[in-house]
């Protein structure tokens, strides 16, 4: 009997993938024995870290372009996310979590490093001279293209990443799906699917002006996971046996092109409260949730669910627009309030942590950030040493019911253009900084360099009351009764990071 997704089977493969590959393959059941090791890093962790007899497997589930509100467990009855909803009912849920930067590559590197973009340096999707020149300049062939992109991947190669740290502890670390840092080895994975090589026009390959085919850079062969097949994960789980493992599951879903099989669209369209322009996006959400159910089955059938920590997060938000990707004066108008922006629909995401018998079910309403996941997962794995200077806090004490989150904490973020003007100097490209503390959120624009930001989101410093104005429509910056709030948030933002601090080209 083959493993099938829990909701719908018989998927349509992408035109750019392996036709007909099964989503889940038949596998035997077995119990996993786990080994534990230790390694010396650079700084002692908090005294809180537990001494556990064996480390958990860690599965990181990453939605690609899904708005924080578009889950059943976040209160949206119009979307179909039954697998995530059931999972969240048994989990520690953080509904007020944030990504520091609302676009894929910087956000994903934050998950890998536990650092803000201005710290890890990957504040862009594309390195200099920018994507248009990389792909349209006749003098840039495949060799030059690869060299320019590889120059940027050294930023991740020089970091103490989560998979690198876990691998030193005896973990097998498997990369699948969305991943921008070249070969999977660059981020410290022990194995993976992304190899930084073109595939003859498949998996989002790009053709340069020179005529050469190149890998676009966002995952190449890894993008088959979830959309076309789950077989690589099944094989990995069968092979991992005695080692604990870390699985990076980041399928290209519900990201555009929103081309899910028609059966998903039919289910979504049957809801009279769903608008026509929302159907493709909601169908892709349903498809993503279906793959989550499949992955959960794969773990459960191998008898290892009880020692597996599942983590869910979205890399950034997305808001479908009625105009359906219009191309006009600004081609990014359709996501003006979501992806790439400093607004809630772009930077907010739920974080969900579930380890049966360890995490306590419930919602934690304090403000948190994806920089917190690195210390959280290291605590859960019993890693007592970790890199110096991690800016996040561990959510693990709250997840297991031993502490509550402070409601006084401020969270921060930074917005950049998609192209970098230089490597290792994010202060040259910063377009907006933002801070939220309590009910108030301050967005501050910065003069940017040679690269233009995705949009002009605000003209000057802007203050929102997210309790009274969750859609961020009324700027309170001129309200004299809020002068102290503005002063306090402005100082907090500058104390966090002032873009005048120059890092220099690395």
Protein backbone atom coordinates (compact mmCIF):
# COMPACT_ATOMS: atom_id res chain seq x y z
CA UNK A 1 0.00 0.00 0.00
CA UNK A 2 1.49 3.33 -1.00
CA UNK A 3 1.60 6.40 1.17
CA UNK A 4 -0.84 8.97 -0.15
CA UNK A 5 -1.49 12.53 0.94
CA UNK A 6 -4.17 12.71 3.60
CA UNK A 7 -6.52 14.89 1.56
CA UNK A 8 -6.14 14.33 -2.17
CA UNK A 9 -4.10 11.98 -4.33
CA UNK A 10 -3.26 11.71 -8.04
CA UNK A 11 -1.35 14.96 -8.49
CA UNK A 12 -0.55 16.73 -11.70
CA UNK A 13 3.21 17.20 -12.10
CA UNK A 14 4.65 20.54 -13.16
CA UNK A 15 5.71 21.04 -16.74
CA UNK A 16 9.20 21.78 -15.41
CA UNK A 17 9.56 18.58 -13.40
CA UNK A 18 9.59 14.85 -13.35
CA UNK A 19 6.34 13.73 -14.94
CA UNK A 20 4.31 11.28 -12.95
CA UNK A 21 6.61 11.03 -9.93
CA UNK A 22 4.67 9.70 -6.93
CA UNK A 23 4.04 12.04 -4.02
CA UNK A 24 4.58 9.32 -1.40
CA UNK A 25 6.10 5.90 -1.88
CA UNK A 26 5.51 2.64 -0.04
CA UNK A 27 7.85 2.20 2.88
CA UNK A 28 8.24 -0.24 5.79
CA UNK A 29 7.62 0.72 9.39
CA UNK A 30 10.49 0.78 11.83
CA UNK A 31 11.63 2.30 15.08
CA UNK A 32 14.60 4.63 15.00
CA UNK A 33 17.54 4.44 17.39
CA UNK A 34 19.24 7.77 17.97
CA UNK A 35 22.81 8.68 18.73
CA UNK A 36 23.92 11.72 20.61
CA UNK A 37 27.23 13.49 20.48
CA UNK A 38 28.67 16.78 21.56
CA UNK A 39 30.85 19.43 20.06
CA UNK A 40 32.58 22.56 21.22
CA UNK A 41 31.26 25.79 19.72
CA UNK A 42 32.10 29.29 20.82
CA UNK A 43 29.79 30.39 23.62
CA UNK A 44 27.87 28.81 26.49
CA UNK A 45 24.09 28.68 26.16
CA UNK A 46 21.59 29.73 28.82
CA UNK A 47 21.44 27.63 31.96
CA UNK A 48 17.90 26.64 30.97
CA UNK A 49 18.96 24.06 28.38
CA UNK A 50 17.81 20.60 29.39
CA UNK A 51 20.02 17.53 29.43
CA UNK A 52 18.02 15.12 27.33
CA UNK A 53 18.89 11.42 26.83
CA UNK A 54 18.60 11.62 23.07
CA UNK A 55 18.01 14.56 20.74
CA UNK A 56 14.82 15.00 18.77
CA UNK A 57 14.51 14.80 15.05
CA UNK A 58 13.66 18.28 13.77
CA UNK A 59 11.38 18.92 10.80
CA UNK A 60 11.17 22.54 9.66
CA UNK A 61 8.09 23.19 7.50
CA UNK A 62 8.33 26.46 5.56
CA UNK A 63 5.42 27.90 3.60
CA UNK A 64 6.48 30.05 0.66
CA UNK A 65 4.50 33.31 0.30
CA UNK A 66 1.58 32.64 2.64
CA UNK A 67 -0.02 35.48 4.59
CA UNK A 68 -0.24 35.10 8.37
CA UNK A 69 -4.05 35.17 8.32
CA UNK A 70 -4.50 32.46 5.69
CA UNK A 71 -4.71 29.41 7.94
CA UNK A 72 -7.69 27.83 9.62
CA UNK A 73 -5.90 27.86 12.97
CA UNK A 74 -5.38 31.63 12.55
CA UNK A 75 -9.12 32.15 12.24
CA UNK A 76 -9.70 32.07 8.47
CA UNK A 77 -12.64 29.75 7.64
CA UNK A 78 -12.25 30.31 3.89
CA UNK A 79 -8.99 28.38 3.51
CA UNK A 80 -8.53 24.60 3.66
CA UNK A 81 -5.64 23.75 6.00
CA UNK A 82 -6.98 20.70 7.91
CA UNK A 83 -3.58 19.09 8.46
CA UNK A 84 -1.94 22.21 9.82
CA UNK A 85 -5.05 22.99 11.86
CA UNK A 86 -5.07 19.57 13.54
CA UNK A 87 -1.35 19.84 14.14
CA UNK A 88 -1.66 23.35 15.64
CA UNK A 89 -4.34 22.21 18.11
CA UNK A 90 -1.66 20.07 19.79
CA UNK A 91 1.13 22.65 19.52
CA UNK A 92 2.59 25.80 21.00
CA UNK A 93 1.37 28.53 18.64
CA UNK A 94 2.90 32.00 18.35
CA UNK A 95 0.40 34.03 16.28
CA UNK A 96 2.32 37.31 16.57
CA UNK A 97 5.61 36.21 15.03
CA UNK A 98 7.55 38.23 12.48
CA UNK A 99 10.15 37.78 9.79
CA UNK A 100 12.72 40.58 9.74
CA UNK A 101 12.59 40.89 5.94
CA UNK A 102 9.52 40.04 3.86
CA UNK A 103 11.11 38.38 0.85
CA UNK A 104 12.33 34.84 0.42
CA UNK A 105 16.13 34.76 0.38
CA UNK A 106 16.90 37.10 3.30
CA UNK A 107 14.14 35.48 5.34
CA UNK A 108 15.36 31.94 4.67
CA UNK A 109 18.93 32.84 5.59
CA UNK A 110 17.63 34.22 8.88
CA UNK A 111 16.12 30.78 9.55
CA UNK A 112 19.47 29.17 8.75
CA UNK A 113 21.62 31.54 10.82
CA UNK A 114 19.43 33.10 13.52
CA UNK A 115 20.66 36.52 12.39
CA UNK A 116 19.07 39.65 10.98
CA UNK A 117 19.81 40.34 7.28
CA UNK A 118 22.16 43.20 8.15
CA UNK A 119 24.11 40.69 10.26
CA UNK A 120 24.22 37.69 7.93
CA UNK A 121 24.69 39.96 4.91
CA UNK A 122 22.24 38.24 2.54
CA UNK A 123 19.82 41.16 2.37
CA UNK A 124 19.02 40.57 -1.32
CA UNK A 125 17.68 37.98 -3.71
CA UNK A 126 20.27 38.73 -6.40
CA UNK A 127 23.90 39.86 -6.03
CA UNK A 128 25.49 42.70 -8.03
CA UNK A 129 24.98 43.68 -10.80
CA UNK A 130 21.33 42.65 -10.25
CA UNK A 131 19.08 40.10 -11.89
CA UNK A 132 18.29 42.06 -15.06
CA UNK A 133 21.95 42.63 -15.93
CA UNK A 134 22.91 39.11 -14.88
CA UNK A 135 20.45 37.60 -17.33
CA UNK A 136 20.35 40.20 -20.14
CA UNK A 137 23.97 41.26 -20.59
CA UNK A 138 25.44 39.52 -23.66
CA UNK A 139 28.89 39.48 -22.07
CA UNK A 140 27.68 37.37 -19.14
CA UNK A 141 27.70 33.68 -19.94
CA UNK A 142 27.13 30.73 -17.65
CA UNK A 143 30.67 30.83 -16.22
CA UNK A 144 30.44 34.53 -15.35
CA UNK A 145 26.89 34.12 -14.02
CA UNK A 146 27.91 31.28 -11.72
CA UNK A 147 30.97 33.17 -10.50
CA UNK A 148 28.91 36.24 -9.59
CA UNK A 149 26.34 34.18 -7.71
CA UNK A 150 29.00 32.10 -5.95
CA UNK A 151 30.57 35.30 -4.66
CA UNK A 152 27.42 35.86 -2.62
CA UNK A 153 27.23 32.29 -1.30
CA UNK A 154 30.44 32.75 0.66
CA UNK A 155 28.35 34.74 3.13
CA UNK A 156 26.55 31.55 4.18
CA UNK A 157 29.66 29.37 3.94
CA UNK A 158 31.31 31.50 6.63
CA UNK A 159 28.40 31.24 9.09
CA UNK A 160 27.62 28.85 11.92
CA UNK A 161 24.31 27.73 10.45
CA UNK A 162 21.70 25.56 12.13
CA UNK A 163 22.43 22.51 9.92
CA UNK A 164 26.18 22.98 10.39
CA UNK A 165 25.80 23.04 14.18
CA UNK A 166 23.42 20.08 14.23
CA UNK A 167 25.62 18.06 11.86
CA UNK A 168 28.50 18.50 14.31
CA UNK A 169 26.21 16.93 16.93
CA UNK A 170 25.66 13.82 14.81
CA UNK A 171 22.54 14.92 12.92
CA UNK A 172 21.88 14.03 9.30
CA UNK A 173 20.66 17.29 7.73
CA UNK A 174 18.62 17.10 4.51
CA UNK A 175 17.77 20.13 2.36
CA UNK A 176 14.73 20.13 0.08
CA UNK A 177 12.78 22.83 -1.73
CA UNK A 178 13.38 26.58 -1.66
CA UNK A 179 17.01 27.46 -0.98
CA UNK A 180 19.07 30.23 -2.59
CA UNK A 181 22.60 29.55 -1.37
CA UNK A 182 23.95 27.46 -4.23
CA UNK A 183 24.85 23.85 -3.46
CA UNK A 184 23.28 22.38 -0.32
CA UNK A 185 26.76 21.93 1.16
CA UNK A 186 27.23 25.70 1.40
CA UNK A 187 24.83 25.97 4.35
CA UNK A 188 26.19 22.92 6.15
CA UNK A 189 23.60 20.31 5.15
CA UNK A 190 24.94 16.77 5.02
CA UNK A 191 22.78 16.00 1.98
CA UNK A 192 20.20 17.71 -0.17
CA UNK A 193 18.49 18.27 -3.50
CA UNK A 194 19.69 21.71 -4.63
CA UNK A 195 22.97 21.50 -6.56
CA UNK A 196 23.23 24.91 -8.29
CA UNK A 197 23.08 23.32 -11.73
CA UNK A 198 20.60 23.88 -14.58
CA UNK A 199 18.35 21.07 -15.66
CA UNK A 200 17.72 21.75 -19.33
CA UNK A 201 14.94 24.28 -18.89
CA UNK A 202 13.25 22.59 -15.93
CA UNK A 203 12.90 23.75 -12.30
CA UNK A 204 12.82 27.44 -13.13
CA UNK A 205 16.03 27.56 -15.18
CA UNK A 206 16.80 30.85 -16.92
CA UNK A 207 18.26 31.42 -20.36
CA UNK A 208 20.87 34.16 -20.49
CA UNK A 209 21.27 36.68 -23.29
CA UNK A 210 24.34 34.65 -24.29
CA UNK A 211 22.09 31.64 -24.88
CA UNK A 212 23.42 29.64 -21.93
CA UNK A 213 21.03 27.96 -19.52
CA UNK A 214 21.62 28.58 -15.81
CA UNK A 215 19.94 27.66 -12.55
CA UNK A 216 17.80 30.60 -11.44
CA UNK A 217 19.21 30.32 -7.94
CA UNK A 218 16.19 29.65 -5.75
CA UNK A 219 16.36 25.87 -5.42
CA UNK A 220 16.73 24.27 -8.90
CA UNK A 221 16.26 20.49 -8.53
CA UNK A 222 15.02 20.91 -4.97
CA UNK A 223 11.87 22.63 -6.21
CA UNK A 224 10.42 19.27 -7.25
CA UNK A 225 9.65 18.47 -3.62
CA UNK A 226 5.99 18.72 -2.68
CA UNK A 227 4.84 19.80 -6.14
CA UNK A 228 5.94 16.65 -7.94
CA UNK A 229 7.28 14.10 -5.50
CA UNK A 230 7.98 13.25 -1.87
CA UNK A 231 10.17 10.29 -2.78
CA UNK A 232 13.52 11.93 -1.82
CA UNK A 233 12.23 12.44 1.72
CA UNK A 234 10.94 8.85 1.91
CA UNK A 235 14.36 7.56 0.86
CA UNK A 236 16.11 9.84 3.34
CA UNK A 237 13.90 8.65 6.21
CA UNK A 238 14.52 5.03 5.28
CA UNK A 239 18.27 5.60 5.13
CA UNK A 240 18.77 7.80 8.19
CA UNK A 241 18.16 4.94 10.66
CA UNK A 242 20.37 5.43 13.74
CA UNK A 243 21.02 9.16 13.41
CA UNK A 244 18.84 12.03 14.55
CA UNK A 245 17.91 14.17 11.57
CA UNK A 246 17.07 17.73 10.58
CA UNK A 247 14.74 18.06 7.57
CA UNK A 248 14.39 21.38 5.74
CA UNK A 249 11.01 21.09 3.98
CA UNK A 250 10.47 24.26 1.95
CA UNK A 251 8.32 23.41 -1.09
CA UNK A 252 7.63 26.09 -3.69
CA UNK A 253 4.10 26.42 -2.27
CA UNK A 254 1.83 28.31 -2.19
CA UNK A 255 4.14 30.56 -4.24
CA UNK A 256 3.15 31.62 -7.75
CA UNK A 257 2.43 30.41 -10.42
CA UNK A 258 -0.54 29.17 -8.34
CA UNK A 259 -1.02 26.33 -10.83
CA UNK A 260 -2.42 23.68 -8.48
CA UNK A 261 -4.44 20.81 -9.97
CA UNK A 262 -8.04 21.66 -10.80
CA UNK A 263 -9.42 19.44 -8.04
CA UNK A 264 -8.03 21.85 -5.45
CA UNK A 265 -9.51 24.82 -7.27
CA UNK A 266 -12.91 23.15 -7.42
CA UNK A 267 -12.98 22.64 -3.66
CA UNK A 268 -11.94 26.23 -3.01
CA UNK A 269 -14.39 27.67 -5.57
CA UNK A 270 -17.29 25.85 -3.92
CA UNK A 271 -17.08 28.28 -1.01
CA UNK A 272 -19.26 31.29 -1.91
CA UNK A 273 -17.19 33.51 0.37
CA UNK A 274 -14.04 33.03 -1.71
CA UNK A 275 -13.54 35.69 -4.37
CA UNK A 276 -12.53 34.62 -7.90
CA UNK A 277 -9.07 36.19 -7.72
CA UNK A 278 -8.37 34.29 -4.47
CA UNK A 279 -9.08 30.83 -5.89
CA UNK A 280 -5.63 30.06 -7.38
CA UNK A 281 -3.81 31.21 -4.22
CA UNK A 282 -6.16 29.39 -1.83
CA UNK A 283 -5.86 26.24 -3.97
CA UNK A 284 -2.08 26.39 -3.65
CA UNK A 285 -2.48 26.74 0.12
CA UNK A 286 -4.66 23.63 0.13
CA UNK A 287 -2.06 21.78 -1.94
CA UNK A 288 0.69 22.78 0.50
CA UNK A 289 -1.37 21.58 3.44
CA UNK A 290 -1.94 18.29 1.62
CA UNK A 291 1.82 17.73 1.38
CA UNK A 292 2.17 18.49 5.08
CA UNK A 293 -0.31 15.70 5.77
CA UNK A 294 1.71 13.38 3.56
CA UNK A 295 4.93 14.24 5.38
CA UNK A 296 3.29 13.72 8.77
CA UNK A 297 2.13 10.27 7.65
CA UNK A 298 5.64 9.39 6.54
CA UNK A 299 7.01 10.27 9.97
CA UNK A 300 4.22 8.50 11.86
CA UNK A 301 4.41 5.29 9.82
CA UNK A 302 8.07 4.96 10.71
CA UNK A 303 7.25 5.16 14.39
CA UNK A 304 9.38 8.25 15.02
CA UNK A 305 6.73 10.95 15.49
CA UNK A 306 7.02 10.88 19.28
CA UNK A 307 10.66 11.96 19.08
CA UNK A 308 10.24 14.52 16.31
CA UNK A 309 9.93 18.26 16.82
CA UNK A 310 7.90 19.89 14.05
CA UNK A 311 8.38 23.59 13.39
CA UNK A 312 6.20 25.65 11.08
CA UNK A 313 6.78 29.14 9.73
CA UNK A 314 6.18 31.14 6.54
CA UNK A 315 9.06 32.96 4.86
CA UNK A 316 6.88 36.02 4.18
CA UNK A 317 3.32 36.99 3.42
CA UNK A 318 1.29 37.33 0.26
CA UNK A 319 -1.95 39.09 -0.63
CA UNK A 320 -3.64 38.16 -3.93
CA UNK A 321 -4.79 41.13 -5.95
CA UNK A 322 -7.96 41.37 -8.08
CA UNK A 323 -5.92 42.68 -11.00
CA UNK A 324 -4.03 39.36 -11.31
CA UNK A 325 -0.42 40.44 -11.67
CA UNK A 326 -0.90 43.53 -13.74
CA UNK A 327 2.16 44.89 -15.49
CA UNK A 328 2.17 48.65 -15.39
CA UNK A 329 4.20 51.53 -14.08
CA UNK A 330 5.23 49.37 -11.15
CA UNK A 331 4.96 45.63 -11.67
CA UNK A 332 5.05 45.03 -7.90
CA UNK A 333 1.85 46.98 -7.21
CA UNK A 334 -0.06 43.73 -6.73
CA UNK A 335 1.84 43.03 -3.49
CA UNK A 336 2.11 46.62 -2.34
CA UNK A 337 0.84 45.76 1.16
CA UNK A 338 2.29 42.27 1.54
CA UNK A 339 5.39 40.51 0.20
CA UNK A 340 8.47 42.77 0.08
CA UNK A 341 6.75 45.40 2.24
CA UNK A 342 7.14 46.45 5.91
CA UNK A 343 3.40 45.96 6.48
CA UNK A 344 1.78 43.21 8.56
CA UNK A 345 0.64 41.21 5.53
CA UNK A 346 4.28 40.92 4.52
CA UNK A 347 6.27 40.56 7.73
CA UNK A 348 3.94 38.70 10.07
CA UNK A 349 3.74 34.90 10.27
CA UNK A 350 2.64 32.29 12.78
CA UNK A 351 5.31 30.11 14.36
CA UNK A 352 4.17 26.66 15.51
CA UNK A 353 6.18 24.19 17.62
CA UNK A 354 4.97 20.63 18.23
CA UNK A 355 6.76 17.75 19.94
CA UNK A 356 4.35 15.16 21.31
CA UNK A 357 4.69 14.88 25.07
CA UNK A 358 7.05 17.85 25.34
CA UNK A 359 5.44 21.02 24.00
CA UNK A 360 2.25 22.27 25.64
CA UNK A 361 -0.74 23.13 23.48
CA UNK A 362 -1.73 26.77 23.62
CA UNK A 363 -1.28 30.25 22.16
CA UNK A 364 1.48 32.63 23.20
CA UNK A 365 0.51 36.19 22.33
CA UNK A 366 3.83 37.94 22.96
CA UNK A 367 5.80 39.31 20.01
CA UNK A 368 8.45 36.97 18.61
CA UNK A 369 10.71 36.87 15.56
CA UNK A 370 12.16 34.15 13.35
CA UNK A 371 15.59 35.06 14.76
CA UNK A 372 14.29 33.21 17.84
CA UNK A 373 14.13 29.83 16.10
CA UNK A 374 17.87 29.15 16.14
CA UNK A 375 18.22 29.36 19.96
CA UNK A 376 14.85 27.62 20.37
CA UNK A 377 15.83 24.58 18.31
CA UNK A 378 19.29 24.37 19.85
CA UNK A 379 17.68 24.34 23.30
CA UNK A 380 15.24 21.64 22.21
CA UNK A 381 18.13 19.54 20.88
CA UNK A 382 20.10 19.97 24.10
CA UNK A 383 22.93 21.92 22.47
CA UNK A 384 24.55 23.82 25.33
CA UNK A 385 27.01 25.76 23.19
CA UNK A 386 26.14 28.03 20.32
CA UNK A 387 27.57 30.94 18.32
CA UNK A 388 28.33 34.23 20.00
CA UNK A 389 25.99 37.13 19.32
CA UNK A 390 22.72 35.43 18.43
CA UNK A 391 20.14 38.22 18.77
CA UNK A 392 17.10 36.03 19.36
CA UNK A 393 15.58 34.55 22.50
CA UNK A 394 14.69 30.91 23.03
CA UNK A 395 10.99 30.14 22.81
CA UNK A 396 11.56 26.69 24.25
CA UNK A 397 10.77 27.56 27.91
CA UNK A 398 7.40 28.95 26.83
CA UNK A 399 6.75 26.08 24.40
CA UNK A 400 7.06 23.48 27.18
CA UNK A 401 5.02 25.53 29.63
CA UNK A 402 7.76 26.65 32.00
CA UNK A 403 7.80 30.38 31.22
CA UNK A 404 5.55 33.04 29.73
CA UNK A 405 6.62 35.56 27.12
CA UNK A 406 7.13 39.20 27.98
CA UNK A 407 4.63 41.55 26.38
CA UNK A 408 7.12 44.42 26.60
CA UNK A 409 9.44 43.03 23.95
CA UNK A 410 10.04 44.96 20.72
CA UNK A 411 10.58 43.20 17.38
CA UNK A 412 12.49 44.69 14.46
CA UNK A 413 12.93 44.30 10.72
CA UNK A 414 14.46 45.72 7.57
CA UNK A 415 13.35 46.01 3.94
CA UNK A 416 15.68 46.11 0.92
CA UNK A 417 15.55 46.11 -2.88
CA UNK A 418 15.70 42.72 -4.57
CA UNK A 419 19.13 43.44 -6.06
CA UNK A 420 22.23 44.32 -4.05
CA UNK A 421 24.56 47.14 -5.04
CA UNK A 422 27.44 45.52 -3.16
CA UNK A 423 28.18 42.42 -1.09
CA UNK A 424 28.56 42.76 2.65
CA UNK A 425 27.29 46.34 3.01
CA UNK A 426 23.52 46.24 3.62
CA UNK A 427 23.57 49.80 4.95
CA UNK A 428 24.11 50.94 1.35
CA UNK A 429 20.82 49.39 0.22
CA UNK A 430 18.48 49.63 3.21
CA UNK A 431 15.13 51.11 2.20
CA UNK A 432 12.98 50.79 5.34
CA UNK A 433 13.40 49.81 8.97
CA UNK A 434 10.49 48.96 11.24
CA UNK A 435 9.83 48.23 14.89
CA UNK A 436 6.78 46.98 16.75
CA UNK A 437 6.30 47.15 20.51
CA UNK A 438 2.93 46.48 22.07
CA UNK A 439 0.16 47.92 19.93
CA UNK A 440 2.33 50.42 18.02
CA UNK A 441 4.46 49.96 14.94
CA UNK A 442 6.88 52.51 13.49
CA UNK A 443 8.16 52.38 9.89
CA UNK A 444 11.12 54.60 8.98
CA UNK A 445 12.29 55.01 5.36
CA UNK A 446 15.97 55.41 4.52
CA UNK A 447 17.66 56.96 1.53
CA UNK A 448 18.74 54.00 -0.57
CA UNK A 449 21.64 53.51 -2.91
CA UNK A 450 21.81 52.65 -6.58
CA UNK A 451 19.14 49.92 -6.39
CA UNK A 452 15.48 50.90 -6.08
CA UNK A 453 13.21 49.25 -3.48
CA UNK A 454 10.27 47.16 -4.63
CA UNK A 455 7.84 49.99 -3.85
CA UNK A 456 7.66 53.38 -2.18
CA UNK A 457 5.70 52.15 0.82
CA UNK A 458 5.77 55.28 3.00
CA UNK A 459 7.15 58.75 2.27
CA UNK A 460 8.29 59.50 5.82
CA UNK A 461 8.23 58.01 9.31
CA UNK A 462 4.85 56.37 9.88
CA UNK A 463 3.18 55.15 13.07
CA UNK A 464 0.29 52.68 13.25
CA UNK A 465 -1.88 51.49 16.12
CA UNK A 466 -2.29 47.82 15.19
CA UNK A 467 -5.08 47.25 17.70
CA UNK A 468 -7.38 49.94 16.31
CA UNK A 469 -5.98 49.87 12.78
CA UNK A 470 -4.77 46.34 11.92
CA UNK A 471 -4.74 47.12 8.19
CA UNK A 472 -2.32 50.03 8.69
CA UNK A 473 -4.32 52.76 6.99
CA UNK A 474 -4.04 55.69 9.43
CA UNK A 475 -0.67 57.36 10.09
CA UNK A 476 -0.53 58.67 13.68
CA UNK A 477 2.85 60.35 13.39
CA UNK A 478 1.32 63.83 13.87
CA UNK A 479 -0.69 62.96 16.98
CA UNK A 480 0.84 65.02 19.85
CA UNK A 481 -0.48 62.58 22.45
CA UNK A 482 1.82 59.93 20.98
CA UNK A 483 5.05 61.95 20.97
CA UNK A 484 6.52 59.81 23.75
CA UNK A 485 5.66 56.63 21.86
CA UNK A 486 7.31 57.93 18.69
CA UNK A 487 10.43 59.04 20.58
CA UNK A 488 10.70 55.71 22.38
CA UNK A 489 10.26 53.60 19.24
CA UNK A 490 12.67 55.78 17.24
CA UNK A 491 15.34 55.35 19.90
CA UNK A 492 14.72 51.60 20.07
CA UNK A 493 15.10 51.36 16.30
CA UNK A 494 18.40 53.27 16.28
CA UNK A 495 19.71 51.32 19.26
CA UNK A 496 18.89 48.11 17.41
CA UNK A 497 20.67 49.09 14.19
CA UNK A 498 21.59 52.36 12.61
CA UNK A 499 22.27 52.01 8.88
CA UNK A 500 25.04 54.59 9.19
CA UNK A 501 27.12 51.76 10.65
CA UNK A 502 29.34 50.75 7.74
CA UNK A 503 30.36 47.12 7.42
CA UNK A 504 32.33 47.38 4.19
CA UNK A 505 32.51 45.03 1.22
CA UNK A 506 33.39 41.51 2.31
